[in-house]
Amino acid sequence: MHRLLGPAAALCLTILTSSANAQPATYGPYATPQQRVEVAPGRFIHVICMGEGSPTVVLSAGADGWSADWRLVQLAITKKTRVCGWDRAGHGFSSGSPEPQDVAHTEADLEKALSRAGVTGPLVLVAHSLGAFETFLFADRHPEQVAGMVLVDPSAPDQAERLPQAAPALMAWSAASDEAFFQVIRGCIAALKAGGSDPSPDCNRLRSRYPEPLRTNLLTVQNDPAYWESFLSLFQSQKVSSKLAINPKRNYGSMPLVVLDAGRFAFPSAPAEAQRDAPAAQAQIKADHEAMARLSTRGAFTPVPDSAHAVALQKPQVVIDAVAKVVDEVRAGPPRR
């Protein structure tokens, strides 16, 4: 998911660099569930923790993403400190949820999952894209636990309003493109509820991106229609989440903070009118990222010109270096006056 552009638009951005930045396809420890934490009766959030040391790094993926999206980053960070990824309801190895998947609910799941998995502060929160929303809310509610932050091409609060103003044709194309994707999800949900043959064509399309044995292992959660209902709800709740993430009083003082800004931003499959909007959308996003860096006196805005949106998969070393920088600053303590 590219910030608040839809999954179809995100796919275009990923394809732009997939061949030039090919990475190993192996999923290793992400191919099987690790720790499934009960956050409500019969409902589980999947957490995968590795390494030792303090502060603990917490990884939040973007929409349509899960802990495995950090697989080229997390293992490297374990050489320095403890690091934990998590999956939202209806993603990865987490079960579905009856609750709407706006950021108020997903952040509440994150709080419960970390607490019940024994993950306490100090924390360095690392978030990609829409994962920034949970990160912002968690830091607002638990400032005493959050010691540092790395935002990887993050979504910006209220961007659901500003991006359509800056790039109306591009956002309209993105929204229209997404409907076809959402119809596939609805088709999978209907097939599972009807108890028809599995895998259904629609469910197969949603699972086809994963290799074996991960694809089969995911069936333990993906054969439940509630899983895909939660998956769909996350996308449909974006405008609400964008509003919920707003906090005009947000200020991180001198907390170590890095904001990574992806430089490749193009949509070759979009019509010409939508493509003409791309520079305006990118300018708005860059301005939002620069504003995020200013939330801390030690905030650093770091361009990643040779990466599209999936920075952790396309340029993982950039993310690893940013996390290492923040961890070192946290360990060094507040700047001397």
Protein backbone atom coordinates (compact mmCIF):
# COMPACT_ATOMS: atom_id res chain seq x y z
CA MET A 1 0.00 0.00 0.00
CA HIS A 2 1.54 3.34 -0.94
CA ARG A 3 0.62 5.65 1.90
CA LEU A 4 -3.04 6.28 1.13
CA LEU A 5 -2.87 5.31 -2.52
CA GLY A 6 -4.61 2.01 -3.05
CA PRO A 7 -3.10 -1.45 -3.48
CA ALA A 8 -3.31 -1.33 -7.28
CA ALA A 9 -1.21 1.83 -7.30
CA ALA A 10 1.18 0.30 -4.81
CA LEU A 11 1.69 -2.66 -7.11
CA CYS A 12 2.81 -0.33 -9.89
CA LEU A 13 5.40 1.24 -7.61
CA THR A 14 6.69 -2.15 -6.47
CA ILE A 15 7.04 -3.46 -10.02
CA LEU A 16 9.18 -0.47 -10.98
CA THR A 17 12.08 -1.74 -8.90
CA SER A 18 11.38 -5.45 -8.48
CA SER A 19 13.78 -6.63 -11.16
CA ALA A 20 16.50 -4.10 -10.38
CA ASN A 21 16.37 -4.82 -6.66
CA ALA A 22 15.66 -8.54 -6.59
CA GLN A 23 15.87 -10.03 -3.10
CA PRO A 24 15.83 -13.63 -1.86
CA ALA A 25 12.32 -15.11 -1.82
CA THR A 26 12.91 -17.30 1.24
CA TYR A 27 10.64 -16.65 4.22
CA GLY A 28 12.63 -18.67 6.78
CA PRO A 29 11.10 -18.29 10.27
CA TYR A 30 8.16 -16.34 8.82
CA ALA A 31 6.87 -19.46 7.03
CA THR A 32 5.36 -20.80 10.27
CA PRO A 33 3.58 -19.04 13.14
CA GLN A 34 5.83 -18.09 16.05
CA GLN A 35 3.95 -16.56 19.01
CA ARG A 36 0.18 -16.12 18.74
CA VAL A 37 -0.97 -13.86 21.58
CA GLU A 38 -4.61 -13.97 22.69
CA VAL A 39 -5.91 -10.37 22.71
CA ALA A 40 -9.60 -11.33 23.09
CA PRO A 41 -11.38 -14.65 23.71
CA GLY A 42 -10.48 -16.88 20.78
CA ARG A 43 -8.75 -14.07 18.87
CA PHE A 44 -4.99 -13.98 18.33
CA ILE A 45 -2.36 -11.51 17.15
CA HIS A 46 0.82 -13.06 15.78
CA VAL A 47 4.14 -11.73 17.14
CA ILE A 48 7.64 -12.75 16.06
CA CYS A 49 10.52 -11.68 18.33
CA MET A 50 14.23 -12.31 17.81
CA GLY A 51 17.51 -11.27 19.38
CA GLU A 52 18.41 -9.79 22.74
CA GLY A 53 19.15 -6.38 24.14
CA SER A 54 17.58 -3.00 24.82
CA PRO A 55 15.85 -1.00 23.45
CA THR A 56 13.43 -3.40 21.78
CA VAL A 57 12.61 -2.55 18.17
CA VAL A 58 8.94 -2.98 17.16
CA LEU A 59 8.15 -3.36 13.44
CA SER A 60 4.77 -2.30 12.03
CA ALA A 61 4.07 -3.11 8.37
CA GLY A 62 2.01 -1.09 5.92
CA ALA A 63 -1.50 -1.99 4.81
CA ASP A 64 -1.56 -5.31 2.94
CA GLY A 65 1.70 -6.07 4.76
CA TRP A 66 2.72 -8.20 7.72
CA SER A 67 5.79 -9.16 9.74
CA ALA A 68 7.34 -11.09 6.83
CA ASP A 69 7.68 -7.83 4.92
CA TRP A 70 10.53 -7.03 7.34
CA ARG A 71 12.36 -10.33 6.71
CA LEU A 72 15.39 -8.66 5.11
CA VAL A 73 15.62 -6.16 7.98
CA GLN A 74 14.64 -8.00 11.17
CA LEU A 75 17.34 -10.67 11.07
CA ALA A 76 20.03 -8.02 10.61
CA ILE A 77 18.75 -5.97 13.56
CA THR A 78 19.01 -9.01 15.85
CA LYS A 79 22.78 -8.58 15.73
CA LYS A 80 22.29 -5.34 17.63
CA THR A 81 19.20 -5.72 19.83
CA ARG A 82 15.86 -7.44 20.35
CA VAL A 83 13.33 -6.88 17.56
CA CYS A 84 9.66 -7.87 17.30
CA GLY A 85 7.26 -7.80 14.35
CA TRP A 86 3.50 -8.23 14.54
CA ASP A 87 0.56 -8.92 12.21
CA ARG A 88 -2.72 -7.02 12.26
CA ALA A 89 -5.97 -8.96 12.40
CA GLY A 90 -6.55 -10.59 9.02
CA HIS A 91 -2.88 -10.39 8.07
CA GLY A 92 -0.10 -12.95 8.28
CA PHE A 93 -0.80 -15.48 11.02
CA SER A 94 -3.21 -13.29 13.01
CA SER A 95 -6.86 -14.30 13.14
CA GLY A 96 -9.72 -12.12 11.97
CA SER A 97 -11.54 -9.66 14.21
CA PRO A 98 -15.21 -8.68 14.50
CA GLU A 99 -14.11 -5.07 15.10
CA PRO A 100 -13.64 -2.49 12.33
CA GLN A 101 -9.97 -2.26 11.42
CA ASP A 102 -9.45 1.46 11.85
CA VAL A 103 -6.31 2.58 13.64
CA ALA A 104 -8.07 2.90 17.00
CA HIS A 105 -8.70 -0.86 16.94
CA THR A 106 -5.43 -1.96 15.32
CA GLU A 107 -3.39 0.12 17.76
CA ALA A 108 -5.35 -1.37 20.67
CA ASP A 109 -4.44 -4.83 19.35
CA LEU A 110 -0.79 -3.78 19.19
CA GLU A 111 -0.87 -2.60 22.81
CA LYS A 112 -2.41 -5.85 24.04
CA ALA A 113 -0.13 -8.03 21.93
CA LEU A 114 3.06 -6.34 23.15
CA SER A 115 1.94 -6.34 26.78
CA ARG A 116 0.87 -9.99 26.79
CA ALA A 117 4.00 -11.03 24.90
CA GLY A 118 6.13 -9.36 27.57
CA VAL A 119 7.44 -6.63 25.28
CA THR A 120 7.96 -3.47 27.35
CA GLY A 121 9.92 -0.26 26.99
CA PRO A 122 12.16 1.28 26.10
CA LEU A 123 10.95 0.78 22.54
CA VAL A 124 12.10 1.96 19.12
CA LEU A 125 9.03 1.98 16.89
CA VAL A 126 9.68 1.28 13.20
CA ALA A 127 6.77 1.69 10.82
CA HIS A 128 6.16 1.45 7.09
CA SER A 129 3.42 3.34 5.27
CA LEU A 130 0.07 3.02 7.09
CA GLY A 131 1.90 1.47 10.06
CA ALA A 132 2.86 5.02 11.01
CA PHE A 133 -0.69 5.53 12.28
CA GLU A 134 -0.38 2.83 14.95
CA THR A 135 3.05 4.19 15.80
CA PHE A 136 1.77 7.73 16.28
CA LEU A 137 -1.14 6.62 18.46
CA PHE A 138 0.99 4.26 20.53
CA ALA A 139 3.55 7.02 21.17
CA ASP A 140 0.75 9.45 22.06
CA ARG A 141 -0.65 7.02 24.63
CA HIS A 142 2.61 5.60 25.97
CA PRO A 143 5.31 8.28 25.64
CA GLU A 144 7.17 6.80 28.59
CA GLN A 145 7.78 3.59 26.64
CA VAL A 146 8.85 5.08 23.29
CA ALA A 147 12.52 6.04 23.11
CA GLY A 148 12.98 6.37 19.35
CA MET A 149 11.29 6.05 15.99
CA VAL A 150 12.01 5.20 12.34
CA LEU A 151 9.28 6.00 9.81
CA VAL A 152 9.74 4.25 6.45
CA ASP A 153 7.95 6.16 3.66
CA PRO A 154 5.10 6.73 6.12
CA SER A 155 1.49 7.74 5.65
CA ALA A 156 0.65 11.14 7.07
CA PRO A 157 -2.30 12.01 9.31
CA ASP A 158 -5.15 13.61 7.33
CA GLN A 159 -3.47 12.65 4.07
CA ALA A 160 -6.80 11.20 2.97
CA GLU A 161 -8.00 14.78 2.60
CA ARG A 162 -4.85 16.46 1.27
CA LEU A 163 -3.79 13.97 -1.41
CA PRO A 164 -7.08 14.14 -3.36
CA GLN A 165 -6.76 17.91 -3.32
CA ALA A 166 -3.18 17.81 -4.58
CA ALA A 167 -3.68 15.02 -7.13
CA PRO A 168 -7.39 14.51 -7.90
CA ALA A 169 -6.98 12.48 -11.11
CA LEU A 170 -4.35 10.18 -9.62
CA MET A 171 -6.38 9.51 -6.51
CA ALA A 172 -9.55 8.92 -8.53
CA TRP A 173 -7.70 6.36 -10.68
CA SER A 174 -6.30 4.70 -7.56
CA ALA A 175 -9.75 4.42 -5.99
CA ALA A 176 -11.29 3.00 -9.16
CA SER A 177 -8.45 0.49 -9.56
CA ASP A 178 -8.89 -0.70 -6.01
CA GLU A 179 -12.50 -1.74 -6.57
CA ALA A 180 -11.38 -4.67 -8.71
CA PHE A 181 -9.05 -5.79 -5.91
CA PHE A 182 -11.79 -5.43 -3.32
CA GLN A 183 -14.13 -7.50 -5.47
CA VAL A 184 -11.64 -10.36 -5.37
CA ILE A 185 -11.60 -10.16 -1.57
CA ARG A 186 -15.40 -10.12 -1.45
CA GLY A 187 -15.48 -13.13 -3.77
CA CYS A 188 -13.16 -15.06 -1.47
CA ILE A 189 -15.28 -14.17 1.57
CA ALA A 190 -18.46 -15.30 -0.20
CA ALA A 191 -16.86 -18.60 -1.26
CA LEU A 192 -15.66 -19.37 2.25
CA LYS A 193 -19.05 -18.55 3.76
CA ALA A 194 -20.78 -20.75 1.21
CA GLY A 195 -18.55 -23.63 2.15
CA GLY A 196 -17.62 -24.22 -1.47
CA SER A 197 -14.53 -25.89 -2.82
CA ASP A 198 -11.32 -24.54 -1.44
CA PRO A 199 -9.25 -23.03 -2.80
CA SER A 200 -11.75 -20.87 -4.66
CA PRO A 201 -10.42 -18.89 -7.65
CA ASP A 202 -10.68 -15.61 -5.72
CA CYS A 203 -9.00 -17.00 -2.61
CA ASN A 204 -6.30 -18.49 -4.81
CA ARG A 205 -5.58 -15.10 -6.35
CA LEU A 206 -5.11 -13.58 -2.90
CA ARG A 207 -2.73 -16.35 -1.80
CA SER A 208 -0.79 -16.80 -5.03
CA ARG A 209 2.01 -14.37 -4.13
CA TYR A 210 3.32 -16.65 -1.38
CA PRO A 211 5.64 -19.65 -1.95
CA GLU A 212 5.28 -23.02 -0.28
CA PRO A 213 5.23 -24.01 2.54
CA LEU A 214 4.06 -20.56 3.63
CA ARG A 215 1.00 -20.66 1.37
CA THR A 216 -0.26 -23.88 2.92
CA ASN A 217 0.65 -22.84 6.47
CA LEU A 218 -1.38 -19.65 6.13
CA LEU A 219 -4.50 -21.73 5.46
CA THR A 220 -4.76 -22.27 9.24
CA VAL A 221 -6.06 -18.69 9.48
CA GLN A 222 -7.02 -17.79 5.91
CA ASN A 223 -9.84 -20.35 5.59
CA ASP A 224 -11.92 -18.26 7.99
CA PRO A 225 -14.04 -15.59 6.22
CA ALA A 226 -13.49 -13.31 9.24
CA TYR A 227 -9.81 -13.17 8.26
CA TRP A 228 -10.57 -11.64 4.86
CA GLU A 229 -13.31 -9.42 6.30
CA SER A 230 -10.69 -7.88 8.59
CA PHE A 231 -8.25 -7.62 5.69
CA LEU A 232 -10.83 -5.72 3.65
CA SER A 233 -11.89 -3.58 6.60
CA LEU A 234 -8.38 -2.19 6.98
CA PHE A 235 -8.56 -0.68 3.48
CA GLN A 236 -12.10 0.56 3.90
CA SER A 237 -11.18 2.26 7.20
CA GLN A 238 -8.33 4.34 5.80
CA LYS A 239 -10.14 7.68 5.79
CA VAL A 240 -11.27 7.16 9.37
CA SER A 241 -7.76 6.12 10.39
CA SER A 242 -6.28 9.16 8.67
CA LYS A 243 -8.45 11.39 10.85
CA LEU A 244 -7.85 9.41 14.04
CA ALA A 245 -4.09 9.78 13.60
CA ILE A 246 -4.24 13.58 13.77
CA ASN A 247 -2.75 15.21 16.86
CA PRO A 248 -1.79 18.90 16.48
CA LYS A 249 0.01 18.78 19.85
CA ARG A 250 2.31 15.90 18.86
CA ASN A 251 5.89 16.77 19.81
CA TYR A 252 8.72 14.33 20.38
CA GLY A 253 11.16 16.74 22.02
CA SER A 254 14.68 15.43 21.44
CA MET A 255 13.68 11.82 20.76
CA PRO A 256 15.83 10.13 18.07
CA LEU A 257 13.77 10.04 14.87
CA VAL A 258 14.48 9.17 11.22
CA VAL A 259 12.00 9.61 8.37
CA LEU A 260 12.85 7.76 5.13
CA ASP A 261 11.34 9.21 1.94
CA ALA A 262 11.17 6.95 -1.15
CA GLY A 263 12.16 8.74 -4.36
CA ARG A 264 10.65 6.53 -7.07
CA PHE A 265 7.07 7.56 -7.63
CA ALA A 266 5.44 6.69 -10.96
CA PHE A 267 2.38 4.86 -12.24
CA PRO A 268 3.02 3.62 -15.80
CA SER A 269 -0.33 1.80 -16.05
CA ALA A 270 -2.31 4.90 -15.09
CA PRO A 271 -3.94 7.10 -17.75
CA ALA A 272 -2.01 10.19 -18.82
CA GLU A 273 -4.16 12.58 -16.76
CA ALA A 274 -3.47 10.61 -13.59
CA GLN A 275 0.24 10.36 -14.36
CA ARG A 276 0.43 14.15 -14.68
CA ASP A 277 -0.75 14.38 -11.06
CA ALA A 278 2.13 12.26 -9.73
CA PRO A 279 4.63 15.15 -9.19
CA ALA A 280 2.05 17.10 -7.16
CA ALA A 281 1.26 14.03 -5.04
CA GLN A 282 4.94 13.33 -4.47
CA ALA A 283 5.57 16.95 -3.46
CA GLN A 284 2.76 16.76 -0.90
CA ILE A 285 4.09 13.50 0.50
CA LYS A 286 7.63 14.86 0.74
CA ALA A 287 6.36 17.95 2.59
CA ASP A 288 4.50 15.69 5.02
CA HIS A 289 7.65 13.63 5.63
CA GLU A 290 9.72 16.73 6.27
CA ALA A 291 7.09 17.90 8.77
CA MET A 292 7.28 14.54 10.56
CA ALA A 293 11.05 14.88 10.90
CA ARG A 294 10.51 18.26 12.57
CA LEU A 295 8.49 16.61 15.35
CA SER A 296 11.83 16.06 17.10
CA THR A 297 14.82 18.35 17.49
CA ARG A 298 16.86 15.28 16.50
CA GLY A 299 14.60 14.35 13.61
CA ALA A 300 16.33 13.46 10.33
CA PHE A 301 14.65 13.54 6.92
CA THR A 302 16.47 10.99 4.74
CA PRO A 303 15.68 10.66 1.01
CA VAL A 304 16.00 7.21 -0.57
CA PRO A 305 16.07 8.26 -4.24
CA ASP A 306 16.63 4.80 -5.74
CA SER A 307 13.74 3.03 -3.97
CA ALA A 308 10.01 2.88 -4.53
CA HIS A 309 7.59 2.48 -1.66
CA ALA A 310 8.68 -0.97 -0.42
CA VAL A 311 11.95 0.34 0.99
CA ALA A 312 12.48 -2.54 3.43
CA LEU A 313 12.43 -5.03 0.54
CA GLN A 314 14.11 -2.90 -2.12
CA LYS A 315 16.76 -1.11 -0.05
CA PRO A 316 16.83 -3.00 3.27
CA GLN A 317 20.27 -1.74 4.26
CA VAL A 318 18.95 1.83 4.35
CA VAL A 319 16.33 0.76 6.91
CA ILE A 320 18.86 -1.31 8.89
CA ASP A 321 21.24 1.65 9.07
CA ALA A 322 18.47 4.03 10.18
CA VAL A 323 17.37 1.66 12.94
CA ALA A 324 20.99 1.17 14.08
CA LYS A 325 21.44 4.95 14.22
CA VAL A 326 18.36 5.43 16.38
CA VAL A 327 19.23 2.50 18.68
CA ASP A 328 22.72 3.94 19.20
CA GLU A 329 21.28 7.37 20.01
CA VAL A 330 18.83 5.86 22.49
CA ARG A 331 21.63 3.97 24.21
CA ALA A 332 23.78 7.11 24.34
CA GLY A 333 21.02 8.96 26.20
CA PRO A 334 19.77 12.55 25.85
CA PRO A 335 22.06 15.05 24.10
CA ARG A 336 24.31 17.03 26.40
CA ARG A 337 23.39 20.64 26.93
